[in-house]
Amino acid sequence: MRTTAFRDITHPETLPQYLFKHAAVNPDGPALRERIYGIWQVLTWSEYADQVQYFGLGLKHLGLLPEHTLAIVGDNRPEWVIAELAAQVVGAKSIGIYQDAVVNEVEYILTHADVSFIVVEDQEQVDKILEMWPSLSGVKNVIYFDPKGLRNYSEEFLLYFPDVLEMGRSYDQAHPDEFEALVRNGKASDLAILFYHLRDDCQPQACHAHPRQPDQHGKQSTRRRSTLSWR
């Protein structure tokens, strides 16, 4: 990514704009830390921004559109926030689902939210998706980021997270100006995230969130929340 391309953004409106602005100003600073085999690994702001860029463009190459929803099923890992911001770059929205959710809970959310792409952590989550796959007619691809145990899975809709990053790099080379335009065109009014909470009848209720600009003191405001109408 051209890390200096977003230095001139003076009033970021979206989370991707904040990310790429910060990556331009402090590219080598630590953005994320993840402990792997007991050792903390650091992802710099520049590396973080690169992965968001290429994963977002990889999703766009696969067919993710602004009206689509991307679901993320897994633990608190860097790939979660990378996928979440990547969807926002393209103009789409994301929804997070905890990895301990049972099959019927996951299936309800995926179908109710009209999910088009799913990012999952590992074999356990892939197996859940395979169990409900006949009901997920609108899902195009399932992307996993921990390949352990998945070597012999042959489903064509399964993709490995780093492979989607490579798709994004190739897409960026073929369309060198598109990414910057996508980021700059984001607005605070864009629908960013869907989330579900339990209702009295135990069916999750869907709400949505928009990014907000910082207030006059530079502090990030609480996101607006409103209930979605039932379909």
C-alpha atoms as a PDB file:
ATOM      1  CA  MET A   1       0.000   0.000   0.000  1.00  0.00           C
ATOM      2  CA  ARG A   2       1.147   3.535  -0.621  1.00  0.00           C
ATOM      3  CA  THR A   3       1.263   4.470   3.063  1.00  0.00           C
ATOM      4  CA  THR A   4       1.381   8.214   2.397  1.00  0.00           C
ATOM      5  CA  ALA A   5      -1.755   8.217   0.223  1.00  0.00           C
ATOM      6  CA  PHE A   6      -4.104   9.012   3.110  1.00  0.00           C
ATOM      7  CA  ARG A   7      -2.093  11.612   5.034  1.00  0.00           C
ATOM      8  CA  ASP A   8      -4.323  14.372   3.704  1.00  0.00           C
ATOM      9  CA  ILE A   9      -7.519  12.978   5.278  1.00  0.00           C
ATOM     10  CA  THR A  10      -8.206  15.629   7.909  1.00  0.00           C
ATOM     11  CA  HIS A  11     -11.628  14.456   9.120  1.00  0.00           C
ATOM     12  CA  PRO A  12     -11.953  10.672   8.874  1.00  0.00           C
ATOM     13  CA  GLU A  13     -15.552   9.445   8.904  1.00  0.00           C
ATOM     14  CA  THR A  14     -15.136   5.659   8.826  1.00  0.00           C
ATOM     15  CA  LEU A  15     -13.024   3.117  10.657  1.00  0.00           C
ATOM     16  CA  PRO A  16     -11.062   2.239   7.474  1.00  0.00           C
ATOM     17  CA  GLN A  17     -10.284   5.937   6.984  1.00  0.00           C
ATOM     18  CA  TYR A  18      -8.997   6.127  10.569  1.00  0.00           C
ATOM     19  CA  LEU A  19      -6.902   3.007  10.014  1.00  0.00           C
ATOM     20  CA  PHE A  20      -5.258   4.153   6.792  1.00  0.00           C
ATOM     21  CA  LYS A  21      -4.735   7.678   8.067  1.00  0.00           C
ATOM     22  CA  HIS A  22      -2.961   6.274  11.144  1.00  0.00           C
ATOM     23  CA  ALA A  23      -0.938   3.826   9.039  1.00  0.00           C
ATOM     24  CA  ALA A  24       0.241   6.765   6.931  1.00  0.00           C
ATOM     25  CA  VAL A  25       1.317   8.731  10.014  1.00  0.00           C
ATOM     26  CA  ASN A  26       2.754   5.886  12.116  1.00  0.00           C
ATOM     27  CA  PRO A  27       3.431   2.942   9.771  1.00  0.00           C
ATOM     28  CA  ASP A  28       5.942   1.126  11.984  1.00  0.00           C
ATOM     29  CA  GLY A  29       4.113   1.471  15.310  1.00  0.00           C
ATOM     30  CA  PRO A  30       2.525  -1.608  16.920  1.00  0.00           C
ATOM     31  CA  ALA A  31      -1.146  -1.980  15.983  1.00  0.00           C
ATOM     32  CA  LEU A  32      -2.043  -5.520  17.078  1.00  0.00           C
ATOM     33  CA  ARG A  33      -0.381  -8.145  19.237  1.00  0.00           C
ATOM     34  CA  GLU A  34      -1.141 -11.866  19.199  1.00  0.00           C
ATOM     35  CA  ARG A  35       0.469 -14.528  21.386  1.00  0.00           C
ATOM     36  CA  ILE A  36       1.520 -17.558  19.333  1.00  0.00           C
ATOM     37  CA  TYR A  37       3.106 -20.490  21.189  1.00  0.00           C
ATOM     38  CA  GLY A  38       3.702 -18.202  24.159  1.00  0.00           C
ATOM     39  CA  ILE A  39       5.465 -15.477  22.177  1.00  0.00           C
ATOM     40  CA  TRP A  40       3.807 -12.146  21.413  1.00  0.00           C
ATOM     41  CA  GLN A  41       3.832 -11.353  17.705  1.00  0.00           C
ATOM     42  CA  VAL A  42       3.379  -7.728  16.618  1.00  0.00           C
ATOM     43  CA  LEU A  43       1.498  -6.467  13.583  1.00  0.00           C
ATOM     44  CA  THR A  44       2.456  -2.905  12.688  1.00  0.00           C
ATOM     45  CA  TRP A  45      -0.055  -0.318  11.482  1.00  0.00           C
ATOM     46  CA  SER A  46       1.347  -0.609   7.970  1.00  0.00           C
ATOM     47  CA  GLU A  47       1.062  -4.411   7.994  1.00  0.00           C
ATOM     48  CA  TYR A  48      -2.435  -4.186   9.449  1.00  0.00           C
ATOM     49  CA  ALA A  49      -3.494  -1.738   6.738  1.00  0.00           C
ATOM     50  CA  ASP A  50      -1.943  -3.912   4.022  1.00  0.00           C
ATOM     51  CA  GLN A  51      -3.922  -6.956   5.114  1.00  0.00           C
ATOM     52  CA  VAL A  52      -7.169  -4.984   5.305  1.00  0.00           C
ATOM     53  CA  GLN A  53      -6.504  -3.594   1.828  1.00  0.00           C
ATOM     54  CA  TYR A  54      -5.680  -6.892   0.163  1.00  0.00           C
ATOM     55  CA  PHE A  55      -8.338  -8.908   1.938  1.00  0.00           C
ATOM     56  CA  GLY A  56     -10.934  -6.292   1.003  1.00  0.00           C
ATOM     57  CA  LEU A  57      -9.863  -6.330  -2.636  1.00  0.00           C
ATOM     58  CA  GLY A  58      -9.782 -10.129  -2.563  1.00  0.00           C
ATOM     59  CA  LEU A  59     -13.383 -10.129  -1.358  1.00  0.00           C
ATOM     60  CA  LYS A  60     -14.303  -7.652  -4.077  1.00  0.00           C
ATOM     61  CA  HIS A  61     -12.668  -9.934  -6.641  1.00  0.00           C
ATOM     62  CA  LEU A  62     -14.775 -12.821  -5.325  1.00  0.00           C
ATOM     63  CA  GLY A  63     -17.939 -10.759  -5.741  1.00  0.00           C
ATOM     64  CA  LEU A  64     -18.560  -8.956  -2.425  1.00  0.00           C
ATOM     65  CA  LEU A  65     -20.850  -5.989  -3.105  1.00  0.00           C
ATOM     66  CA  PRO A  66     -21.879  -3.026  -0.914  1.00  0.00           C
ATOM     67  CA  GLU A  67     -25.302  -4.573  -0.285  1.00  0.00           C
ATOM     68  CA  HIS A  68     -23.771  -7.830   0.938  1.00  0.00           C
ATOM     69  CA  THR A  69     -23.074  -9.037   4.485  1.00  0.00           C
ATOM     70  CA  LEU A  70     -19.942 -10.850   5.600  1.00  0.00           C
ATOM     71  CA  ALA A  71     -20.122 -13.053   8.708  1.00  0.00           C
ATOM     72  CA  ILE A  72     -17.132 -13.776  10.949  1.00  0.00           C
ATOM     73  CA  VAL A  73     -17.196 -16.850  13.204  1.00  0.00           C
ATOM     74  CA  GLY A  74     -14.267 -17.355  15.543  1.00  0.00           C
ATOM     75  CA  ASP A  75     -12.218 -16.247  18.502  1.00  0.00           C
ATOM     76  CA  ASN A  76     -10.641 -12.856  19.138  1.00  0.00           C
ATOM     77  CA  ARG A  77      -7.939 -12.978  16.467  1.00  0.00           C
ATOM     78  CA  PRO A  78      -6.360 -10.362  14.162  1.00  0.00           C
ATOM     79  CA  GLU A  79      -8.098 -11.962  11.186  1.00  0.00           C
ATOM     80  CA  TRP A  80     -11.451 -11.013  12.749  1.00  0.00           C
ATOM     81  CA  VAL A  81     -10.823  -7.264  12.714  1.00  0.00           C
ATOM     82  CA  ILE A  82      -8.999  -7.466   9.387  1.00  0.00           C
ATOM     83  CA  ALA A  83     -12.048  -9.099   7.793  1.00  0.00           C
ATOM     84  CA  GLU A  84     -14.427  -6.667   9.511  1.00  0.00           C
ATOM     85  CA  LEU A  85     -12.635  -3.568   8.224  1.00  0.00           C
ATOM     86  CA  ALA A  86     -12.036  -5.157   4.813  1.00  0.00           C
ATOM     87  CA  ALA A  87     -15.792  -5.547   4.366  1.00  0.00           C
ATOM     88  CA  GLN A  88     -16.295  -1.886   5.300  1.00  0.00           C
ATOM     89  CA  VAL A  89     -13.686  -0.806   2.745  1.00  0.00           C
ATOM     90  CA  VAL A  90     -15.763  -2.413  -0.005  1.00  0.00           C
ATOM     91  CA  GLY A  91     -18.889  -0.748   1.417  1.00  0.00           C
ATOM     92  CA  ALA A  92     -20.352  -3.963   2.796  1.00  0.00           C
ATOM     93  CA  LYS A  93     -21.269  -4.751   6.401  1.00  0.00           C
ATOM     94  CA  SER A  94     -20.131  -7.500   8.745  1.00  0.00           C
ATOM     95  CA  ILE A  95     -21.588  -9.517  11.578  1.00  0.00           C
ATOM     96  CA  GLY A  96     -19.622 -11.342  14.264  1.00  0.00           C
ATOM     97  CA  ILE A  97     -20.650 -14.696  15.738  1.00  0.00           C
ATOM     98  CA  TYR A  98     -18.937 -16.300  18.734  1.00  0.00           C
ATOM     99  CA  GLN A  99     -17.194 -19.578  18.043  1.00  0.00           C
ATOM    100  CA  ASP A 100     -19.143 -21.400  20.773  1.00  0.00           C
ATOM    101  CA  ALA A 101     -22.528 -20.703  19.119  1.00  0.00           C
ATOM    102  CA  VAL A 102     -24.330 -23.937  18.253  1.00  0.00           C
ATOM    103  CA  VAL A 103     -25.373 -24.874  14.736  1.00  0.00           C
ATOM    104  CA  ASN A 104     -29.007 -23.747  14.923  1.00  0.00           C
ATOM    105  CA  GLU A 105     -27.995 -20.333  16.350  1.00  0.00           C
ATOM    106  CA  VAL A 106     -25.406 -19.782  13.641  1.00  0.00           C
ATOM    107  CA  GLU A 107     -27.792 -20.932  10.913  1.00  0.00           C
ATOM    108  CA  TYR A 108     -30.533 -18.563  12.100  1.00  0.00           C
ATOM    109  CA  ILE A 109     -28.230 -15.545  12.049  1.00  0.00           C
ATOM    110  CA  LEU A 110     -26.628 -16.406   8.705  1.00  0.00           C
ATOM    111  CA  THR A 111     -29.985 -16.834   6.975  1.00  0.00           C
ATOM    112  CA  HIS A 112     -31.734 -13.910   8.682  1.00  0.00           C
ATOM    113  CA  ALA A 113     -28.848 -11.550   7.843  1.00  0.00           C
ATOM    114  CA  ASP A 114     -28.672 -12.749   4.211  1.00  0.00           C
ATOM    115  CA  VAL A 115     -24.963 -13.466   4.554  1.00  0.00           C
ATOM    116  CA  SER A 116     -23.002 -13.782   1.296  1.00  0.00           C
ATOM    117  CA  PHE A 117     -19.502 -14.596   2.607  1.00  0.00           C
ATOM    118  CA  ILE A 118     -18.343 -16.272   5.814  1.00  0.00           C
ATOM    119  CA  VAL A 119     -14.917 -16.005   7.457  1.00  0.00           C
ATOM    120  CA  VAL A 120     -14.287 -18.752  10.018  1.00  0.00           C
ATOM    121  CA  GLU A 121     -11.437 -19.559  12.354  1.00  0.00           C
ATOM    122  CA  ASP A 122     -10.802 -23.284  12.054  1.00  0.00           C
ATOM    123  CA  GLN A 123     -11.975 -26.807  11.252  1.00  0.00           C
ATOM    124  CA  GLU A 124     -14.607 -26.764  13.996  1.00  0.00           C
ATOM    125  CA  GLN A 125     -16.336 -23.771  12.437  1.00  0.00           C
ATOM    126  CA  VAL A 126     -15.981 -25.169   8.913  1.00  0.00           C
ATOM    127  CA  ASP A 127     -17.698 -28.369  10.081  1.00  0.00           C
ATOM    128  CA  LYS A 128     -20.583 -26.305  11.489  1.00  0.00           C
ATOM    129  CA  ILE A 129     -21.011 -24.529   8.168  1.00  0.00           C
ATOM    130  CA  LEU A 130     -20.891 -27.814   6.245  1.00  0.00           C
ATOM    131  CA  GLU A 131     -23.644 -29.197   8.470  1.00  0.00           C
ATOM    132  CA  MET A 132     -25.983 -26.339   7.577  1.00  0.00           C
ATOM    133  CA  TRP A 133     -24.711 -25.743   4.030  1.00  0.00           C
ATOM    134  CA  PRO A 134     -27.902 -26.921   2.255  1.00  0.00           C
ATOM    135  CA  SER A 135     -29.749 -24.055   4.002  1.00  0.00           C
ATOM    136  CA  LEU A 136     -27.196 -21.393   3.029  1.00  0.00           C
ATOM    137  CA  SER A 137     -28.155 -20.868  -0.597  1.00  0.00           C
ATOM    138  CA  GLY A 138     -26.950 -17.250  -0.636  1.00  0.00           C
ATOM    139  CA  VAL A 139     -23.416 -17.910   0.634  1.00  0.00           C
ATOM    140  CA  LYS A 140     -20.723 -17.739  -2.057  1.00  0.00           C
ATOM    141  CA  ASN A 141     -17.544 -18.641  -0.160  1.00  0.00           C
ATOM    142  CA  VAL A 142     -16.322 -19.753   3.266  1.00  0.00           C
ATOM    143  CA  ILE A 143     -12.838 -18.473   4.130  1.00  0.00           C
ATOM    144  CA  TYR A 144     -10.838 -20.072   6.974  1.00  0.00           C
ATOM    145  CA  PHE A 145      -7.701 -18.721   8.626  1.00  0.00           C
ATOM    146  CA  ASP A 146      -6.457 -21.765  10.604  1.00  0.00           C
ATOM    147  CA  PRO A 147      -5.785 -24.601   8.121  1.00  0.00           C
ATOM    148  CA  LYS A 148      -5.123 -27.342  10.686  1.00  0.00           C
ATOM    149  CA  GLY A 149      -7.164 -30.443   9.852  1.00  0.00           C
ATOM    150  CA  LEU A 150      -8.550 -29.020   6.602  1.00  0.00           C
ATOM    151  CA  ARG A 151      -6.031 -30.407   4.112  1.00  0.00           C
ATOM    152  CA  ASN A 152      -8.367 -33.085   2.775  1.00  0.00           C
ATOM    153  CA  TYR A 153     -11.477 -30.895   2.523  1.00  0.00           C
ATOM    154  CA  SER A 154     -12.344 -30.591  -1.152  1.00  0.00           C
ATOM    155  CA  GLU A 155     -15.370 -28.273  -1.186  1.00  0.00           C
ATOM    156  CA  GLU A 156     -14.861 -25.682  -3.928  1.00  0.00           C
ATOM    157  CA  PHE A 157     -16.395 -22.893  -1.857  1.00  0.00           C
ATOM    158  CA  LEU A 158     -13.695 -23.223   0.837  1.00  0.00           C
ATOM    159  CA  LEU A 159     -10.827 -20.729   0.595  1.00  0.00           C
ATOM    160  CA  TYR A 160      -7.718 -20.137   2.726  1.00  0.00           C
ATOM    161  CA  PHE A 161      -7.343 -16.610   4.169  1.00  0.00           C
ATOM    162  CA  PRO A 162      -3.815 -16.003   2.721  1.00  0.00           C
ATOM    163  CA  ASP A 163      -5.051 -17.082  -0.717  1.00  0.00           C
ATOM    164  CA  VAL A 164      -7.705 -14.347  -0.618  1.00  0.00           C
ATOM    165  CA  LEU A 165      -4.970 -11.856   0.317  1.00  0.00           C
ATOM    166  CA  GLU A 166      -3.071 -12.927  -2.808  1.00  0.00           C
ATOM    167  CA  MET A 167      -6.212 -12.440  -4.896  1.00  0.00           C
ATOM    168  CA  GLY A 168      -6.378  -8.916  -3.505  1.00  0.00           C
ATOM    169  CA  ARG A 169      -2.764  -8.185  -4.405  1.00  0.00           C
ATOM    170  CA  SER A 170      -3.386  -9.319  -7.983  1.00  0.00           C
ATOM    171  CA  TYR A 171      -6.591  -7.256  -8.135  1.00  0.00           C
ATOM    172  CA  ASP A 172      -4.710  -4.188  -6.872  1.00  0.00           C
ATOM    173  CA  GLN A 173      -2.083  -4.564  -9.590  1.00  0.00           C
ATOM    174  CA  ALA A 174      -4.800  -4.741 -12.249  1.00  0.00           C
ATOM    175  CA  HIS A 175      -6.796  -1.838 -10.751  1.00  0.00           C
ATOM    176  CA  PRO A 176      -4.166   0.393  -9.050  1.00  0.00           C
ATOM    177  CA  ASP A 177      -6.416   3.390  -8.322  1.00  0.00           C
ATOM    178  CA  GLU A 178      -9.563   1.606  -7.161  1.00  0.00           C
ATOM    179  CA  PHE A 179      -8.648   0.959  -3.545  1.00  0.00           C
ATOM    180  CA  GLU A 180      -7.902   4.566  -2.611  1.00  0.00           C
ATOM    181  CA  ALA A 181     -11.229   5.636  -4.121  1.00  0.00           C
ATOM    182  CA  LEU A 182     -13.082   2.974  -2.122  1.00  0.00           C
ATOM    183  CA  VAL A 183     -11.603   4.203   1.159  1.00  0.00           C
ATOM    184  CA  ARG A 184     -12.155   7.888   0.422  1.00  0.00           C
ATOM    185  CA  ASN A 185     -15.762   7.346  -0.652  1.00  0.00           C
ATOM    186  CA  GLY A 186     -16.751   5.922   2.747  1.00  0.00           C
ATOM    187  CA  LYS A 187     -19.248   7.971   4.775  1.00  0.00           C
ATOM    188  CA  ALA A 188     -20.216   8.054   8.451  1.00  0.00           C
ATOM    189  CA  SER A 189     -23.746   7.140   7.419  1.00  0.00           C
ATOM    190  CA  ASP A 190     -22.617   3.836   5.854  1.00  0.00           C
ATOM    191  CA  LEU A 191     -23.999   0.727   7.513  1.00  0.00           C
ATOM    192  CA  ALA A 192     -20.934  -0.894   9.095  1.00  0.00           C
ATOM    193  CA  ILE A 193     -21.853  -3.707  11.493  1.00  0.00           C
ATOM    194  CA  LEU A 194     -24.821  -5.928  12.271  1.00  0.00           C
ATOM    195  CA  PHE A 195     -25.153  -7.502  15.687  1.00  0.00           C
ATOM    196  CA  TYR A 196     -27.729  -9.674  17.409  1.00  0.00           C
ATOM    197  CA  HIS A 197     -29.005  -9.770  20.980  1.00  0.00           C
ATOM    198  CA  LEU A 198     -31.471 -12.101  22.671  1.00  0.00           C
ATOM    199  CA  ARG A 199     -35.157 -11.263  22.843  1.00  0.00           C
ATOM    200  CA  ASP A 200     -37.747 -12.584  25.302  1.00  0.00           C
ATOM    201  CA  ASP A 201     -38.729 -15.368  22.911  1.00  0.00           C
ATOM    202  CA  CYS A 202     -35.043 -16.379  22.634  1.00  0.00           C
ATOM    203  CA  GLN A 203     -34.809 -15.489  18.944  1.00  0.00           C
ATOM    204  CA  PRO A 204     -31.900 -13.058  18.428  1.00  0.00           C
ATOM    205  CA  GLN A 205     -32.877  -9.538  17.389  1.00  0.00           C
ATOM    206  CA  ALA A 206     -30.853  -7.759  14.732  1.00  0.00           C
ATOM    207  CA  CYS A 207     -29.517  -4.227  15.163  1.00  0.00           C
ATOM    208  CA  HIS A 208     -27.056  -2.200  13.143  1.00  0.00           C
ATOM    209  CA  ALA A 209     -24.308   0.319  13.803  1.00  0.00           C
ATOM    210  CA  HIS A 210     -22.800   3.224  11.878  1.00  0.00           C
ATOM    211  CA  PRO A 211     -19.382   4.797  12.442  1.00  0.00           C
ATOM    212  CA  ARG A 212     -19.437   8.161  14.212  1.00  0.00           C
ATOM    213  CA  GLN A 213     -16.978  10.998  13.973  1.00  0.00           C
ATOM    214  CA  PRO A 214     -15.130  12.055  17.174  1.00  0.00           C
ATOM    215  CA  ASP A 215     -16.749  14.807  19.172  1.00  0.00           C
ATOM    216  CA  GLN A 216     -15.297  18.293  19.579  1.00  0.00           C
ATOM    217  CA  HIS A 217     -12.834  16.970  22.179  1.00  0.00           C
ATOM    218  CA  GLY A 218     -11.478  14.340  19.803  1.00  0.00           C
ATOM    219  CA  LYS A 219     -13.140  11.403  21.576  1.00  0.00           C
ATOM    220  CA  GLN A 220     -14.885   8.645  19.659  1.00  0.00           C
ATOM    221  CA  SER A 221     -18.619   8.798  20.247  1.00  0.00           C
ATOM    222  CA  THR A 222     -20.749   5.765  21.013  1.00  0.00           C
ATOM    223  CA  ARG A 223     -22.118   4.164  17.884  1.00  0.00           C
ATOM    224  CA  ARG A 224     -25.728   4.728  17.018  1.00  0.00           C
ATOM    225  CA  ARG A 225     -27.929   1.676  17.363  1.00  0.00           C
ATOM    226  CA  SER A 226     -31.331   1.032  15.876  1.00  0.00           C
ATOM    227  CA  THR A 227     -33.471  -2.031  15.451  1.00  0.00           C
ATOM    228  CA  LEU A 228     -33.813  -3.589  12.025  1.00  0.00           C
ATOM    229  CA  SER A 229     -37.274  -4.391  10.723  1.00  0.00           C
ATOM    230  CA  TRP A 230     -38.135  -8.063  10.554  1.00  0.00           C
ATOM    231  CA  ARG A 231     -38.352  -9.654   7.147  1.00  0.00           C
END
